[in-house]
Amino acid sequence: QGARKVRLDGDLRAVLLEAPGRCVPYAVIEGVVRSVKETLSSQFVENCKGVVQRLTLQEHKMVWNRTTHLWNDYEKIIHQRTNTTPFDLVPAQDSAGVTVRVMKPLDAAELSLETVYEKFHPSVQSFTDVIGHYISGERPKGIQETEQMLKVGTALTGVGELVLDNATIKLQPPKQGMPYYLSSLDFESLLQKQESSVRFWKILTVIFGFATCAVLFFLLRKQYRHHRERQHFRQMQEEFRQAQERLMNTEGGEILKNACVVCLSSTKSCVFLECGHVCSCHECYQALPEPKKCPICRQGITRVVSLYNS
């Protein structure tokens, strides 16, 4: 959005002469592609000339996923070659004689290439090959051959650093690290495309932000519960210790020796069978949950015999 839009006309040289360092750090300029030297000819299409040519061989196959137990499509570039020749941007009405030399087109974040040829060569498989592919987990589908070109006469929008170098006006990648574009879209369409991409990443960031907050909330809640449980356990231990001290101080340890292990206040008055432990008063025995088990050995209680101290 902050790029300066300049026109490819007779005033362009004067604009650059007035700019600091004869340079516009981030500029937008639109023109038509014209080759400086000999053009590149398509290997498959007659009378197709361009300045950038990209030949690609891509392998297509199916790969067995042992996790999902499904065949997934897999693509791999076997070979790719890109040829370039120097080219300029010239006005659509080539009357002013002003040209802009495009530098390092392959460094562009977006380089619009037109697919001029595409052919898929399916793989021929015998019955033995099919069995071997099922065993290995890979089934080749074929090879795709593609030729892409930036053709002469294509209307191009360049976004980058515009500099006047002696008598040559150059469009090159910006030094500030901003993206470099060579797109067949007009500037407004290119701007809308970038805004849509930014909007998508913003929405994705918000979604992941909410998900992260939810996970942190549940983790902190879990830690808080553990802290409360530990605090409650320490409080119970402290109350038990204080009860022991009170019993020791009041009756010299005799009551503690015969005190119920559950309430620590009443005297032991029950014999649990078949384990034979004497550890509880009758009230605490009644309060034990079903099925009743001995508080000492956790053995099931089949019968209770009352104990009378004389």
Foldseek 3Di string as FASTA:
>chain_A
DPAAEDEQALCLQVVLVPDVQSKRQKHKYKFFKDAPDDWDDDPPDPPFTFFKKKKWKKWWKWFQDPVVRDTDIDIDTPDMDMGGGWIWGAHPPNDRVGIETEPPLVQAPEADWAWPDKDWDFDDDDPVRVVVCVVVRMGTGTMMITMTHHTGGQIWMWIGMWGCDPPHIYGYHRPVPDGTDIDSDDPVVVVVVVVVVVVVVVVVVVVVVVVVVVVVVVVVVVVVVVVVVVVVVVVVVVVVVVLVVVVCVPPVCPLQVQAAPPPSPDGFWKAFPDVRDGHHHPVVQVVADPPHADPPPRHGGPDIDTHDDD
